[in-house]
């Protein structure tokens, strides 16, 4: 039995999904890292660390994702004020 054709294995979302995909991935990673560090700092390497951290991560992500959806366009504009745009083919 052969696997899926190459074109089906590499299906990607359209570029228009970047508006949601970037904040989604960024919020998952950043809220996970920050909540983990904060939880370890608060309770140490306790037996219930995983459960406590996952609870903190869930709350953090619920705040981080919508915040990024709102704030990221502003951040891009602010960065555009201080960073030269990429020059494409002349």
PDB file of N, CA and C in Angstrom:
ATOM      1  N   UNK A   1       0.842  -1.182   0.000  1.00  0.00           N
ATOM      2  CA  UNK A   1       0.000   0.000   0.000  1.00  0.00           C
ATOM      3  C   UNK A   1       0.884   1.242   0.000  1.00  0.00           C
ATOM      4  N   UNK A   2       0.626   2.137  -0.903  1.00  0.00           N
ATOM      5  CA  UNK A   2       1.424   3.346  -1.000  1.00  0.00           C
ATOM      6  C   UNK A   2       0.824   4.438  -0.118  1.00  0.00           C
ATOM      7  N   UNK A   3       1.699   5.371   0.273  1.00  0.00           N
ATOM      8  CA  UNK A   3       1.252   6.504   1.084  1.00  0.00           C
ATOM      9  C   UNK A   3       0.487   7.500   0.232  1.00  0.00           C
ATOM     10  N   UNK A   4       0.103   8.589   0.863  1.00  0.00           N
ATOM     11  CA  UNK A   4      -0.606   9.655   0.168  1.00  0.00           C
ATOM     12  C   UNK A   4       0.306  10.312  -0.863  1.00  0.00           C
ATOM     13  N   UNK A   5      -0.260  10.793  -1.944  1.00  0.00           N
ATOM     14  CA  UNK A   5       0.561  11.532  -2.909  1.00  0.00           C
ATOM     15  C   UNK A   5       1.197  12.757  -2.249  1.00  0.00           C
ATOM     16  N   UNK A   6       2.359  13.149  -2.770  1.00  0.00           N
ATOM     17  CA  UNK A   6       3.097  14.277  -2.183  1.00  0.00           C
ATOM     18  C   UNK A   6       2.262  15.529  -2.035  1.00  0.00           C
ATOM     19  N   UNK A   7       1.436  15.846  -3.028  1.00  0.00           N
ATOM     20  CA  UNK A   7       0.666  17.081  -2.946  1.00  0.00           C
ATOM     21  C   UNK A   7      -0.362  17.052  -1.818  1.00  0.00           C
ATOM     22  N   UNK A   8      -0.858  15.899  -1.440  1.00  0.00           N
ATOM     23  CA  UNK A   8      -1.816  15.817  -0.314  1.00  0.00           C
ATOM     24  C   UNK A   8      -1.108  15.884   1.023  1.00  0.00           C
ATOM     25  N   UNK A   9       0.119  15.433   1.080  1.00  0.00           N
ATOM     26  CA  UNK A   9       0.860  15.443   2.344  1.00  0.00           C
ATOM     27  C   UNK A   9       1.305  16.858   2.707  1.00  0.00           C
ATOM     28  N   UNK A  10       1.372  17.743   1.736  1.00  0.00           N
ATOM     29  CA  UNK A  10       1.877  19.090   1.981  1.00  0.00           C
ATOM     30  C   UNK A  10       0.780  20.139   1.864  1.00  0.00           C
ATOM     31  N   UNK A  11      -0.435  19.778   2.142  1.00  0.00           N
ATOM     32  CA  UNK A  11      -1.514  20.754   2.063  1.00  0.00           C
ATOM     33  C   UNK A  11      -1.276  21.846   3.100  1.00  0.00           C
ATOM     34  N   UNK A  12      -1.407  23.066   2.658  1.00  0.00           N
ATOM     35  CA  UNK A  12      -1.205  24.199   3.550  1.00  0.00           C
ATOM     36  C   UNK A  12      -2.431  25.092   3.508  1.00  0.00           C
ATOM     37  N   UNK A  13      -2.579  25.860   4.558  1.00  0.00           N
ATOM     38  CA  UNK A  13      -3.648  26.851   4.597  1.00  0.00           C
ATOM     39  C   UNK A  13      -3.292  27.991   3.646  1.00  0.00           C
ATOM     40  N   UNK A  14      -4.283  28.680   3.123  1.00  0.00           N
ATOM     41  CA  UNK A  14      -4.000  29.860   2.288  1.00  0.00           C
ATOM     42  C   UNK A  14      -3.294  30.945   3.105  1.00  0.00           C
ATOM     43  N   UNK A  15      -2.552  31.812   2.414  1.00  0.00           N
ATOM     44  CA  UNK A  15      -1.785  32.874   3.077  1.00  0.00           C
ATOM     45  C   UNK A  15      -2.674  33.786   3.920  1.00  0.00           C
ATOM     46  N   UNK A  16      -3.931  33.921   3.557  1.00  0.00           N
ATOM     47  CA  UNK A  16      -4.832  34.799   4.319  1.00  0.00           C
ATOM     48  C   UNK A  16      -5.029  34.316   5.767  1.00  0.00           C
ATOM     49  N   UNK A  17      -4.728  33.064   6.044  1.00  0.00           N
ATOM     50  CA  UNK A  17      -4.857  32.524   7.398  1.00  0.00           C
ATOM     51  C   UNK A  17      -3.731  32.981   8.325  1.00  0.00           C
ATOM     52  N   UNK A  18      -2.688  33.620   7.786  1.00  0.00           N
ATOM     53  CA  UNK A  18      -1.585  34.130   8.617  1.00  0.00           C
ATOM     54  C   UNK A  18      -2.089  35.052   9.714  1.00  0.00           C
ATOM     55  N   UNK A  19      -3.153  35.785   9.431  1.00  0.00           N
ATOM     56  CA  UNK A  19      -3.704  36.740  10.393  1.00  0.00           C
ATOM     57  C   UNK A  19      -4.107  36.041  11.693  1.00  0.00           C
ATOM     58  N   UNK A  20      -4.535  34.796  11.602  1.00  0.00           N
ATOM     59  CA  UNK A  20      -4.943  34.034  12.788  1.00  0.00           C
ATOM     60  C   UNK A  20      -3.880  33.018  13.193  1.00  0.00           C
ATOM     61  N   UNK A  21      -3.193  32.409  12.222  1.00  0.00           N
ATOM     62  CA  UNK A  21      -2.227  31.347  12.513  1.00  0.00           C
ATOM     63  C   UNK A  21      -1.026  31.856  13.299  1.00  0.00           C
ATOM     64  N   UNK A  22      -0.495  33.022  12.931  1.00  0.00           N
ATOM     65  CA  UNK A  22       0.671  33.558  13.643  1.00  0.00           C
ATOM     66  C   UNK A  22       0.335  33.865  15.102  1.00  0.00           C
ATOM     67  N   UNK A  23      -0.729  34.621  15.395  1.00  0.00           N
ATOM     68  CA  UNK A  23      -1.050  34.846  16.808  1.00  0.00           C
ATOM     69  C   UNK A  23      -1.395  33.561  17.562  1.00  0.00           C
ATOM     70  N   UNK A  24      -2.008  32.596  16.890  1.00  0.00           N
ATOM     71  CA  UNK A  24      -2.344  31.332  17.545  1.00  0.00           C
ATOM     72  C   UNK A  24      -1.088  30.613  18.014  1.00  0.00           C
ATOM     73  N   UNK A  25      -0.146  30.415  17.096  1.00  0.00           N
ATOM     74  CA  UNK A  25       1.089  29.702  17.443  1.00  0.00           C
ATOM     75  C   UNK A  25       1.911  30.503  18.450  1.00  0.00           C
ATOM     76  N   UNK A  26       2.027  31.803  18.227  1.00  0.00           N
ATOM     77  CA  UNK A  26       2.794  32.648  19.139  1.00  0.00           C
ATOM     78  C   UNK A  26       2.193  32.640  20.539  1.00  0.00           C
ATOM     79  N   UNK A  27       0.884  32.730  20.636  1.00  0.00           N
ATOM     80  CA  UNK A  27       0.242  32.737  21.961  1.00  0.00           C
ATOM     81  C   UNK A  27       0.399  31.406  22.678  1.00  0.00           C
ATOM     82  N   UNK A  28       0.330  30.305  21.937  1.00  0.00           N
ATOM     83  CA  UNK A  28       0.520  28.983  22.553  1.00  0.00           C
ATOM     84  C   UNK A  28       1.934  28.860  23.117  1.00  0.00           C
ATOM     85  N   UNK A  29       2.920  29.214  22.300  1.00  0.00           N
ATOM     86  CA  UNK A  29       4.311  29.079  22.748  1.00  0.00           C
ATOM     87  C   UNK A  29       4.650  30.037  23.890  1.00  0.00           C
ATOM     88  N   UNK A  30       4.335  31.304  23.710  1.00  0.00           N
ATOM     89  CA  UNK A  30       4.725  32.285  24.721  1.00  0.00           C
ATOM     90  C   UNK A  30       3.976  32.089  26.044  1.00  0.00           C
ATOM     91  N   UNK A  31       2.677  31.852  25.989  1.00  0.00           N
ATOM     92  CA  UNK A  31       1.940  31.660  27.239  1.00  0.00           C
ATOM     93  C   UNK A  31       2.389  30.381  27.934  1.00  0.00           C
ATOM     94  N   UNK A  32       2.723  29.354  27.154  1.00  0.00           N
ATOM     95  CA  UNK A  32       3.223  28.111  27.741  1.00  0.00           C
ATOM     96  C   UNK A  32       4.552  28.293  28.450  1.00  0.00           C
ATOM     97  N   UNK A  33       5.477  28.985  27.792  1.00  0.00           N
ATOM     98  CA  UNK A  33       6.801  29.209  28.378  1.00  0.00           C
ATOM     99  C   UNK A  33       6.709  30.099  29.617  1.00  0.00           C
ATOM    100  N   UNK A  34       6.011  31.217  29.495  1.00  0.00           N
ATOM    101  CA  UNK A  34       5.923  32.161  30.608  1.00  0.00           C
ATOM    102  C   UNK A  34       5.168  31.551  31.789  1.00  0.00           C
ATOM    103  N   UNK A  35       4.071  30.847  31.525  1.00  0.00           N
ATOM    104  CA  UNK A  35       3.321  30.250  32.636  1.00  0.00           C
ATOM    105  C   UNK A  35       4.113  29.126  33.307  1.00  0.00           C
ATOM    106  N   UNK A  36       4.910  28.401  32.523  1.00  0.00           N
ATOM    107  CA  UNK A  36       5.744  27.341  33.107  1.00  0.00           C
ATOM    108  C   UNK A  36       6.788  27.941  34.052  1.00  0.00           C
ATOM    109  N   UNK A  37       7.477  28.968  33.587  1.00  0.00           N
ATOM    110  CA  UNK A  37       8.482  29.622  34.428  1.00  0.00           C
ATOM    111  C   UNK A  37       7.843  30.201  35.678  1.00  0.00           C
ATOM    112  N   UNK A  38       6.709  30.858  35.511  1.00  0.00           N
ATOM    113  CA  UNK A  38       6.019  31.461  36.647  1.00  0.00           C
ATOM    114  C   UNK A  38       5.541  30.405  37.647  1.00  0.00           C
ATOM    115  N   UNK A  39       5.019  29.292  37.127  1.00  0.00           N
ATOM    116  CA  UNK A  39       4.535  28.225  38.007  1.00  0.00           C
ATOM    117  C   UNK A  39       5.688  27.591  38.780  1.00  0.00           C
ATOM    118  N   UNK A  40       6.794  27.319  38.098  1.00  0.00           N
ATOM    119  CA  UNK A  40       7.958  26.738  38.784  1.00  0.00           C
ATOM    120  C   UNK A  40       8.482  27.703  39.839  1.00  0.00           C
ATOM    121  N   UNK A  41       8.508  28.993  39.517  1.00  0.00           N
ATOM    122  CA  UNK A  41       8.973  29.989  40.489  1.00  0.00           C
ATOM    123  C   UNK A  41       8.038  30.052  41.702  1.00  0.00           C
ATOM    124  N   UNK A  42       6.750  29.878  41.474  1.00  0.00           N
ATOM    125  CA  UNK A  42       5.784  29.960  42.574  1.00  0.00           C
ATOM    126  C   UNK A  42       5.772  28.728  43.462  1.00  0.00           C
ATOM    127  N   UNK A  43       5.696  27.528  42.844  1.00  0.00           N
ATOM    128  CA  UNK A  43       5.527  26.313  43.658  1.00  0.00           C
ATOM    129  C   UNK A  43       6.742  25.398  43.639  1.00  0.00           C
ATOM    130  N   UNK A  44       7.745  25.735  42.834  1.00  0.00           N
ATOM    131  CA  UNK A  44       8.924  24.880  42.738  1.00  0.00           C
ATOM    132  C   UNK A  44       8.608  23.624  41.946  1.00  0.00           C
ATOM    133  N   UNK A  45       9.490  22.661  42.017  1.00  0.00           N
ATOM    134  CA  UNK A  45       9.300  21.397  41.292  1.00  0.00           C
ATOM    135  C   UNK A  45       8.456  20.441  42.135  1.00  0.00           C
ATOM    136  N   UNK A  46       7.237  20.839  42.402  1.00  0.00           N
ATOM    137  CA  UNK A  46       6.316  20.082  43.245  1.00  0.00           C
ATOM    138  C   UNK A  46       5.703  18.919  42.470  1.00  0.00           C
ATOM    139  N   UNK A  47       5.108  18.001  43.183  1.00  0.00           N
ATOM    140  CA  UNK A  47       4.489  16.821  42.572  1.00  0.00           C
ATOM    141  C   UNK A  47       3.328  17.199  41.656  1.00  0.00           C
ATOM    142  N   UNK A  48       2.620  18.258  41.978  1.00  0.00           N
ATOM    143  CA  UNK A  48       1.467  18.662  41.174  1.00  0.00           C
ATOM    144  C   UNK A  48       1.825  19.763  40.162  1.00  0.00           C
ATOM    145  N   UNK A  49       3.103  19.877  39.812  1.00  0.00           N
ATOM    146  CA  UNK A  49       3.566  20.920  38.902  1.00  0.00           C
ATOM    147  C   UNK A  49       2.851  20.863  37.558  1.00  0.00           C
ATOM    148  N   UNK A  50       2.749  19.688  36.958  1.00  0.00           N
ATOM    149  CA  UNK A  50       2.160  19.574  35.623  1.00  0.00           C
ATOM    150  C   UNK A  50       0.709  20.066  35.607  1.00  0.00           C
ATOM    151  N   UNK A  51      -0.092  19.604  36.537  1.00  0.00           N
ATOM    152  CA  UNK A  51      -1.496  20.014  36.590  1.00  0.00           C
ATOM    153  C   UNK A  51      -1.656  21.502  36.867  1.00  0.00           C
ATOM    154  N   UNK A  52      -0.851  22.009  37.795  1.00  0.00           N
ATOM    155  CA  UNK A  52      -0.910  23.435  38.124  1.00  0.00           C
ATOM    156  C   UNK A  52      -0.481  24.266  36.924  1.00  0.00           C
ATOM    157  N   UNK A  53       0.595  23.841  36.258  1.00  0.00           N
ATOM    158  CA  UNK A  53       1.086  24.567  35.091  1.00  0.00           C
ATOM    159  C   UNK A  53       0.067  24.559  33.954  1.00  0.00           C
ATOM    160  N   UNK A  54      -0.537  23.402  33.675  1.00  0.00           N
ATOM    161  CA  UNK A  54      -1.524  23.337  32.596  1.00  0.00           C
ATOM    162  C   UNK A  54      -2.726  24.242  32.878  1.00  0.00           C
ATOM    163  N   UNK A  55      -3.138  24.318  34.132  1.00  0.00           N
ATOM    164  CA  UNK A  55      -4.229  25.232  34.494  1.00  0.00           C
ATOM    165  C   UNK A  55      -3.833  26.682  34.270  1.00  0.00           C
ATOM    166  N   UNK A  56      -2.618  27.023  34.686  1.00  0.00           N
ATOM    167  CA  UNK A  56      -2.117  28.394  34.482  1.00  0.00           C
ATOM    168  C   UNK A  56      -1.958  28.686  33.000  1.00  0.00           C
ATOM    169  N   UNK A  57      -1.496  27.692  32.240  1.00  0.00           N
ATOM    170  CA  UNK A  57      -1.311  27.872  30.799  1.00  0.00           C
ATOM    171  C   UNK A  57      -2.655  28.140  30.113  1.00  0.00           C
ATOM    172  N   UNK A  58      -3.669  27.399  30.493  1.00  0.00           N
ATOM    173  CA  UNK A  58      -4.985  27.596  29.891  1.00  0.00           C
ATOM    174  C   UNK A  58      -5.509  29.001  30.097  1.00  0.00           C
ATOM    175  N   UNK A  59      -5.398  29.497  31.325  1.00  0.00           N
ATOM    176  CA  UNK A  59      -5.855  30.854  31.618  1.00  0.00           C
ATOM    177  C   UNK A  59      -4.993  31.872  30.862  1.00  0.00           C
ATOM    178  N   UNK A  60      -3.692  31.655  30.860  1.00  0.00           N
ATOM    179  CA  UNK A  60      -2.785  32.567  30.153  1.00  0.00           C
ATOM    180  C   UNK A  60      -3.094  32.608  28.664  1.00  0.00           C
ATOM    181  N   UNK A  61      -3.336  31.447  28.070  1.00  0.00           N
ATOM    182  CA  UNK A  61      -3.614  31.404  26.637  1.00  0.00           C
ATOM    183  C   UNK A  61      -4.943  32.085  26.306  1.00  0.00           C
ATOM    184  N   UNK A  62      -5.949  31.905  27.168  1.00  0.00           N
ATOM    185  CA  UNK A  62      -7.240  32.554  26.934  1.00  0.00           C
ATOM    186  C   UNK A  62      -7.119  34.076  26.902  1.00  0.00           C
ATOM    187  N   UNK A  63      -6.131  34.608  27.585  1.00  0.00           N
ATOM    188  CA  UNK A  63      -5.883  36.044  27.558  1.00  0.00           C
ATOM    189  C   UNK A  63      -4.933  36.407  26.413  1.00  0.00           C
ATOM    190  N   UNK A  64      -3.901  35.600  26.205  1.00  0.00           N
ATOM    191  CA  UNK A  64      -2.857  35.911  25.218  1.00  0.00           C
ATOM    192  C   UNK A  64      -3.369  35.906  23.781  1.00  0.00           C
ATOM    193  N   UNK A  65      -4.174  34.926  23.404  1.00  0.00           N
ATOM    194  CA  UNK A  65      -4.593  34.810  22.009  1.00  0.00           C
ATOM    195  C   UNK A  65      -5.434  35.995  21.543  1.00  0.00           C
ATOM    196  N   UNK A  66      -6.520  36.349  22.241  1.00  0.00           N
ATOM    197  CA  UNK A  66      -7.283  37.516  21.778  1.00  0.00           C
ATOM    198  C   UNK A  66      -6.471  38.811  21.871  1.00  0.00           C
ATOM    199  N   UNK A  67      -5.589  38.900  22.873  1.00  0.00           N
ATOM    200  CA  UNK A  67      -4.749  40.091  22.987  1.00  0.00           C
ATOM    201  C   UNK A  67      -3.854  40.234  21.761  1.00  0.00           C
ATOM    202  N   UNK A  68      -3.239  39.136  21.339  1.00  0.00           N
ATOM    203  CA  UNK A  68      -2.388  39.182  20.142  1.00  0.00           C
ATOM    204  C   UNK A  68      -3.190  39.518  18.890  1.00  0.00           C
ATOM    205  N   UNK A  69      -4.389  38.994  18.776  1.00  0.00           N
ATOM    206  CA  UNK A  69      -5.216  39.318  17.612  1.00  0.00           C
ATOM    207  C   UNK A  69      -5.453  40.825  17.512  1.00  0.00           C
ATOM    208  N   UNK A  70      -5.607  41.474  18.658  1.00  0.00           N
ATOM    209  CA  UNK A  70      -5.872  42.906  18.685  1.00  0.00           C
ATOM    210  C   UNK A  70      -4.581  43.726  18.557  1.00  0.00           C
ATOM    211  N   UNK A  71      -3.532  43.301  19.249  1.00  0.00           N
ATOM    212  CA  UNK A  71      -2.318  44.100  19.364  1.00  0.00           C
ATOM    213  C   UNK A  71      -1.343  43.908  18.197  1.00  0.00           C
ATOM    214  N   UNK A  72      -1.298  42.741  17.592  1.00  0.00           N
ATOM    215  CA  UNK A  72      -0.301  42.462  16.561  1.00  0.00           C
ATOM    216  C   UNK A  72      -0.351  43.432  15.375  1.00  0.00           C
ATOM    217  N   UNK A  73      -1.509  43.824  14.862  1.00  0.00           N
ATOM    218  CA  UNK A  73      -1.491  44.817  13.779  1.00  0.00           C
ATOM    219  C   UNK A  73      -0.843  46.146  14.198  1.00  0.00           C
ATOM    220  N   UNK A  74      -1.088  46.580  15.417  1.00  0.00           N
ATOM    221  CA  UNK A  74      -0.457  47.799  15.926  1.00  0.00           C
ATOM    222  C   UNK A  74       1.056  47.623  16.036  1.00  0.00           C
ATOM    223  N   UNK A  75       1.481  46.476  16.523  1.00  0.00           N
ATOM    224  CA  UNK A  75       2.916  46.193  16.646  1.00  0.00           C
ATOM    225  C   UNK A  75       3.579  46.214  15.270  1.00  0.00           C
ATOM    226  N   UNK A  76       2.926  45.632  14.280  1.00  0.00           N
ATOM    227  CA  UNK A  76       3.490  45.640  12.918  1.00  0.00           C
ATOM    228  C   UNK A  76       3.642  47.064  12.394  1.00  0.00           C
ATOM    229  N   UNK A  77       2.667  47.928  12.665  1.00  0.00           N
ATOM    230  CA  UNK A  77       2.759  49.325  12.234  1.00  0.00           C
ATOM    231  C   UNK A  77       3.888  50.045  12.952  1.00  0.00           C
ATOM    232  N   UNK A  78       4.010  49.842  14.256  1.00  0.00           N
ATOM    233  CA  UNK A  78       5.078  50.477  15.021  1.00  0.00           C
ATOM    234  C   UNK A  78       6.452  50.019  14.541  1.00  0.00           C
ATOM    235  N   UNK A  79       6.599  48.735  14.300  1.00  0.00           N
ATOM    236  CA  UNK A  79       7.867  48.207  13.788  1.00  0.00           C
ATOM    237  C   UNK A  79       8.149  48.779  12.406  1.00  0.00           C
ATOM    238  N   UNK A  80       7.117  48.939  11.592  1.00  0.00           N
ATOM    239  CA  UNK A  80       7.283  49.526  10.268  1.00  0.00           C
ATOM    240  C   UNK A  80       7.803  50.955  10.314  1.00  0.00           C
ATOM    241  N   UNK A  81       7.585  51.653  11.420  1.00  0.00           N
ATOM    242  CA  UNK A  81       8.090  53.012  11.569  1.00  0.00           C
ATOM    243  C   UNK A  81       9.593  53.062  11.821  1.00  0.00           C
ATOM    244  N   UNK A  82      10.141  51.985  12.353  1.00  0.00           N
ATOM    245  CA  UNK A  82      11.566  51.990  12.715  1.00  0.00           C
ATOM    246  C   UNK A  82      12.418  51.026  11.902  1.00  0.00           C
ATOM    247  N   UNK A  83      11.781  50.188  11.048  1.00  0.00           N
ATOM    248  CA  UNK A  83      12.524  49.208  10.256  1.00  0.00           C
ATOM    249  C   UNK A  83      12.262  49.473   8.766  1.00  0.00           C
ATOM    250  N   UNK A  84      13.345  49.489   7.993  1.00  0.00           N
ATOM    251  CA  UNK A  84      13.220  49.681   6.555  1.00  0.00           C
ATOM    252  C   UNK A  84      12.468  48.510   5.948  1.00  0.00           C
ATOM    253  N   UNK A  85      11.579  48.778   4.963  1.00  0.00           N
ATOM    254  CA  UNK A  85      10.887  47.672   4.311  1.00  0.00           C
ATOM    255  C   UNK A  85      11.848  46.864   3.430  1.00  0.00           C
ATOM    256  N   UNK A  86      11.510  45.617   3.200  1.00  0.00           N
ATOM    257  CA  UNK A  86      12.319  44.737   2.359  1.00  0.00           C
ATOM    258  C   UNK A  86      12.187  45.208   0.915  1.00  0.00           C
ATOM    259  N   UNK A  87      13.314  45.364   0.240  1.00  0.00           N
ATOM    260  CA  UNK A  87      13.322  45.760  -1.173  1.00  0.00           C
ATOM    261  C   UNK A  87      13.256  44.492  -2.021  1.00  0.00           C
ATOM    262  N   UNK A  88      12.229  44.383  -2.847  1.00  0.00           N
ATOM    263  CA  UNK A  88      12.109  43.222  -3.719  1.00  0.00           C
ATOM    264  C   UNK A  88      12.488  43.596  -5.138  1.00  0.00           C
ATOM    265  N   UNK A  89      13.009  42.629  -5.862  1.00  0.00           N
ATOM    266  CA  UNK A  89      13.484  42.740  -7.252  1.00  0.00           C
ATOM    267  C   UNK A  89      13.357  44.078  -7.933  1.00  0.00           C
ATOM    268  N   UNK A  90      14.463  44.656  -8.300  1.00  0.00           N
ATOM    269  CA  UNK A  90      14.459  45.911  -9.057  1.00  0.00           C
ATOM    270  C   UNK A  90      14.783  45.657 -10.488  1.00  0.00           C
TER     271      UNK A  90
END
